[in-house]
Protein backbone atom coordinates (compact mmCIF):
# COMPACT_ATOMS: atom_id res chain seq x y z
CA MET A 1 -25.28 -17.95 46.66
CA ARG A 2 -25.06 -19.08 43.35
CA SER A 3 -25.03 -16.17 41.58
CA GLN A 4 -22.44 -14.53 44.09
CA LEU A 5 -20.38 -17.66 42.60
CA ARG A 6 -20.93 -16.81 39.32
CA ALA A 7 -19.84 -12.87 39.70
CA LEU A 8 -16.80 -14.62 41.92
CA THR A 9 -15.71 -16.76 39.00
CA CYS A 10 -16.48 -14.23 36.34
CA ALA A 11 -14.17 -11.44 38.42
CA ALA A 12 -11.75 -13.88 38.58
CA ALA A 13 -11.83 -14.80 34.91
CA LEU A 14 -11.18 -11.28 34.23
CA ALA A 15 -8.82 -10.15 36.72
CA ALA A 16 -6.78 -13.65 35.27
CA SER A 17 -7.29 -11.99 31.74
CA PHE A 18 -6.16 -8.75 32.39
CA ILE A 19 -2.71 -9.72 34.41
CA THR A 20 -1.90 -12.24 31.41
CA GLY A 21 -2.54 -9.47 29.02
CA THR A 22 -0.42 -6.98 30.68
CA ALA A 23 1.92 -9.34 30.75
CA PHE A 24 2.71 -10.15 26.90
CA SER A 25 2.33 -6.17 26.18
CA ALA A 26 4.95 -5.73 28.57
CA ASP A 27 7.03 -7.88 26.82
CA THR A 28 6.29 -7.71 23.54
CA TYR A 29 7.08 -3.95 22.25
CA ARG A 30 5.78 -2.65 18.89
CA VAL A 31 9.02 -1.41 16.49
CA GLY A 32 8.39 1.12 13.97
CA ALA A 33 10.89 0.85 10.79
CA THR A 34 10.85 2.63 7.49
CA ALA A 35 10.46 0.49 4.28
CA THR A 36 13.14 2.71 2.12
CA GLY A 37 16.00 2.70 3.96
CA VAL A 38 17.89 -0.28 2.39
CA PRO A 39 19.96 -2.12 4.04
CA PHE A 40 19.13 -0.46 7.28
CA THR A 41 15.37 -0.77 6.78
CA PHE A 42 13.02 -1.83 3.65
CA LEU A 43 9.84 -3.64 2.67
CA ASP A 44 11.10 -6.90 0.79
CA VAL A 45 8.43 -7.21 -1.59
CA LYS A 46 8.85 -11.49 -1.93
CA SER A 47 7.59 -11.67 1.71
CA ASN A 48 6.32 -8.06 2.07
CA GLN A 49 7.89 -7.93 5.29
CA ILE A 50 10.60 -5.12 6.73
CA GLN A 51 14.20 -6.42 6.80
CA GLY A 52 17.35 -5.05 6.77
CA MET A 53 20.11 -4.10 9.37
CA MET A 54 18.55 -2.44 11.83
CA ILE A 55 15.54 -5.22 11.91
CA ASP A 56 17.93 -7.80 12.18
CA SER A 57 19.89 -5.85 15.10
CA ALA A 58 16.44 -5.15 16.94
CA GLN A 59 15.35 -8.71 16.78
CA ALA A 60 18.73 -10.17 17.82
CA ILE A 61 18.77 -7.48 20.58
CA ALA A 62 15.31 -8.33 21.85
CA LYS A 63 16.14 -12.31 21.87
CA ALA A 64 19.23 -11.06 24.02
CA GLY A 65 17.76 -8.56 26.39
CA GLY A 66 14.80 -10.72 27.02
CA PHE A 67 11.69 -9.55 25.13
CA ASP A 68 9.80 -9.82 21.95
CA VAL A 69 9.22 -7.33 19.28
CA THR A 70 6.78 -6.36 16.57
CA ILE A 71 7.85 -4.82 13.19
CA LEU A 72 5.46 -1.62 12.67
CA GLN A 73 6.11 0.36 9.07
CA ASN A 74 6.31 4.14 9.61
CA ASN A 75 7.60 7.50 7.19
CA PHE A 76 11.23 8.35 8.51
CA SER A 77 9.50 11.50 9.47
CA ALA A 78 6.60 10.30 11.55
CA LEU A 79 9.21 7.85 13.45
CA ILE A 80 9.11 10.10 16.46
CA PRO A 81 5.86 11.38 16.63
CA SER A 82 4.55 8.03 16.71
CA LEU A 83 6.92 7.03 19.60
CA THR A 84 5.49 9.87 21.52
CA ALA A 85 1.96 9.27 20.99
CA ASN A 86 2.86 5.76 21.94
CA LYS A 87 1.87 4.09 18.45
CA ILE A 88 5.23 2.59 18.91
CA ASP A 89 7.51 1.57 21.62
CA ILE A 90 10.81 1.57 20.01
CA ILE A 91 12.42 3.19 16.44
CA SER A 92 14.73 1.03 15.07
CA ALA A 93 16.20 2.87 11.92
CA ALA A 94 18.98 4.96 10.79
CA MET A 95 18.28 7.81 12.89
CA LEU A 96 21.31 9.70 14.42
CA LYS A 97 21.65 10.67 17.59
CA THR A 98 21.50 14.29 17.68
CA PRO A 99 21.11 16.72 21.38
CA GLU A 100 17.90 18.29 19.76
CA ARG A 101 16.17 14.90 19.52
CA GLN A 102 17.97 13.52 23.01
CA LYS A 103 15.53 16.52 24.01
CA VAL A 104 12.59 14.34 22.95
CA VAL A 105 13.56 10.76 23.07
CA GLN A 106 16.42 8.32 24.81
CA TYR A 107 18.87 6.98 22.87
CA SER A 108 20.40 3.20 23.64
CA LYS A 109 23.68 2.25 23.58
CA PRO A 110 25.27 2.66 20.25
CA VAL A 111 24.63 0.10 17.12
CA TYR A 112 26.54 1.70 14.38
CA GLU A 113 28.18 4.67 13.77
CA TYR A 114 28.09 6.69 9.82
CA GLY A 115 27.73 10.41 8.18
CA GLU A 116 26.28 11.38 5.03
CA ALA A 117 27.44 10.75 1.12
CA LEU A 118 26.87 12.92 -1.63
CA VAL A 119 25.53 12.08 -4.77
CA VAL A 120 25.13 14.13 -7.91
CA ASN A 121 23.72 13.99 -11.83
CA GLN A 122 25.64 11.59 -13.64
CA ASP A 123 26.89 14.21 -15.77
CA ASP A 124 27.98 16.24 -13.23
CA ASN A 125 31.64 15.46 -13.20
CA GLY A 126 32.53 18.44 -10.60
CA THR A 127 35.32 17.17 -7.80
CA TYR A 128 33.02 18.02 -4.51
CA THR A 129 34.38 17.85 -0.98
CA SER A 130 32.23 19.82 1.37
CA MET A 131 28.39 20.81 1.65
CA ASP A 132 29.87 24.53 1.19
CA ASP A 133 30.71 23.70 -2.44
CA PHE A 134 26.72 24.14 -3.38
CA LYS A 135 26.26 27.74 -2.43
CA GLY A 136 23.80 29.25 -4.55
CA GLU A 137 22.44 25.85 -5.56
CA VAL A 138 19.43 23.50 -5.04
CA VAL A 139 19.95 20.87 -3.02
CA GLY A 140 17.89 18.20 -0.85
CA ALA A 141 18.00 15.66 1.43
CA GLN A 142 15.31 13.49 3.04
CA VAL A 143 12.72 15.13 5.58
CA GLY A 144 13.49 14.40 9.64
CA THR A 145 17.22 14.06 8.81
CA VAL A 146 20.23 15.48 10.22
CA PHE A 147 21.06 16.12 7.10
CA ILE A 148 18.13 18.23 6.04
CA ASP A 149 18.65 20.57 9.66
CA GLU A 150 22.45 20.86 8.68
CA LEU A 151 21.28 22.06 5.03
CA LYS A 152 19.02 24.80 6.46
CA ARG A 153 21.15 25.76 9.20
CA ARG A 154 23.99 26.81 6.84
CA GLY A 155 21.58 28.83 5.09
CA ILE A 156 23.72 29.38 1.65
CA TYR A 157 21.66 27.83 -0.66
CA GLN A 158 18.95 28.71 -3.10
CA GLU A 159 16.82 26.00 -1.90
CA VAL A 160 16.75 23.10 0.47
CA ARG A 161 14.01 20.48 -1.01
CA GLY A 162 12.94 17.68 1.97
CA TYR A 163 12.11 14.10 0.10
CA ASP A 164 10.30 11.82 2.08
CA SER A 165 12.59 8.81 1.09
CA ILE A 166 15.88 8.71 -0.62
CA SER A 167 14.25 7.14 -3.65
CA ASP A 168 12.09 9.99 -4.29
CA LEU A 169 15.53 12.54 -3.57
CA LEU A 170 17.47 10.14 -6.75
CA ARG A 171 14.71 10.50 -8.62
CA ASP A 172 14.55 14.03 -8.82
CA LEU A 173 18.38 14.24 -8.76
CA ALA A 174 18.35 12.01 -11.79
CA LEU A 175 15.98 14.85 -13.66
CA GLY A 176 18.09 17.75 -12.87
CA ARG A 177 15.66 19.48 -10.43
CA ILE A 178 18.17 19.66 -7.85
CA LYS A 179 22.14 20.01 -8.51
CA ALA A 180 22.82 17.94 -5.26
CA GLY A 181 21.79 15.12 -2.54
CA PHE A 182 22.93 14.07 0.81
CA ALA A 183 21.53 10.72 2.49
CA ASP A 184 22.53 8.04 4.55
CA LYS A 185 26.55 7.05 3.28
CA PRO A 186 25.55 3.27 3.71
CA ILE A 187 22.58 3.42 2.24
CA LEU A 188 23.95 5.44 -0.67
CA THR A 189 27.35 2.86 -0.62
CA TYR A 190 25.25 -0.48 -0.35
CA GLN A 191 22.66 0.83 -3.42
CA ALA A 192 25.76 1.76 -5.50
CA SER A 193 27.27 -1.86 -4.77
CA GLN A 194 24.10 -3.36 -6.32
CA GLY A 195 23.83 -1.19 -9.52
CA LEU A 196 20.64 0.45 -8.59
CA LEU A 197 21.98 4.13 -8.35
CA LYS A 198 20.44 4.97 -11.83
CA LYS A 199 21.52 8.93 -13.56
CA VAL A 200 23.59 9.50 -10.35
CA ARG A 201 26.64 8.80 -9.11
CA LEU A 202 28.47 8.60 -5.72
CA VAL A 203 30.93 11.60 -5.39
CA ASP A 204 33.97 9.60 -4.12
CA GLY A 205 36.13 12.12 -2.20
CA TYR A 206 33.61 13.61 -0.35
CA LYS A 207 34.02 14.23 3.04
CA PRO A 208 31.06 13.92 5.99
CA SER A 209 30.05 17.05 7.71
CA LEU A 210 28.13 14.77 10.46
CA ASN A 211 29.40 11.77 11.91
CA GLY A 212 26.53 9.92 14.33
CA GLU A 213 25.29 7.01 16.24
CA VAL A 214 22.90 4.98 15.42
CA CYS A 215 21.01 3.78 18.54
CA LEU A 216 17.19 1.78 19.33
CA ILE A 217 15.53 4.62 20.75
CA VAL A 218 12.68 4.69 23.15
CA ARG A 219 10.43 7.06 25.02
CA LYS A 220 11.36 9.74 27.88
CA GLY A 221 10.81 7.59 31.23
CA ASP A 222 11.09 3.87 29.56
CA GLN A 223 14.13 3.31 31.90
CA GLN A 224 13.05 -0.26 32.20
CA LEU A 225 13.06 -0.91 28.46
CA LEU A 226 16.27 0.87 27.95
CA GLU A 227 18.23 -1.26 30.27
CA GLN A 228 17.01 -4.34 28.43
CA ILE A 229 17.78 -3.07 25.46
CA ASN A 230 21.11 -2.00 26.66
CA ARG A 231 21.70 -5.54 28.02
CA GLY A 232 20.90 -6.73 24.45
CA ILE A 233 23.23 -4.47 22.71
CA ASP A 234 26.07 -5.90 25.47
CA ALA A 235 25.19 -9.12 24.36
CA VAL A 236 24.83 -9.39 20.84
CA LYS A 237 28.47 -6.94 20.58
CA ALA A 238 29.98 -9.27 23.33
CA ASP A 239 28.87 -12.90 21.06
CA GLY A 240 29.84 -11.72 17.89
CA THR A 241 26.50 -11.34 16.66
CA LEU A 242 26.10 -7.46 15.77
CA ASP A 243 29.41 -7.68 14.07
CA ALA A 244 28.03 -10.43 11.69
CA ILE A 245 24.76 -8.87 11.11
CA ILE A 246 26.70 -5.89 9.82
CA ALA A 247 28.72 -8.22 7.29
CA LYS A 248 25.71 -9.64 6.06
CA TRP A 249 24.64 -6.26 4.98
CA HIS A 250 27.63 -4.91 3.46
CA ILE A 251 27.89 -1.95 5.21
CA ASN A 252 31.38 -1.55 6.67
């Protein structure tokens, strides 16, 4: 009888711990972000934490939507594979919404909208307004972005080089290894305002070819999480929290 009682007690304890663990995992989600996308997402060396506009946004949206998040670092090109492999639950990064990506993942309501910017070597005094101005040249963009996809689609360049980060792209541009680089306009604008663009220049007058929405991204079928996120987005837009975050990171 005592052994049966002990067995029942242990079973009850296991059941309780399982329920508790399930409830926690259902309310706390893993957010994938990159460490190289200032001011959207970046590693703050002082705190050793990922910070930025999309981190602040994800945390504010989570609070308003009634769930918690923990931030995990990923390479940009690994974000969607990590999401579909259940290594993370949400992507919060400067990843524009595209029809191709929508075949694989689900996007929330928009958080922010922007297009690409053009950077060239500081010694290049040319006037450029379009991607087509670099026909026959070697150009580059970050791997996994819509910008590199568009460059490859046009098929007019001598070579299209892919980079794991914008900093790698800017390094090769400064060294004269490529003629032009295309990357997220808010990121490059922010870096220029902080004096972080060395031996390269942001081209004024360039007209973006690709304008798109930045959203939070979840797996196909995660409808409950998507609804929670969208409720959170509505709330932070309505109460001015999102506008304050955008102003904080100077990306307008």
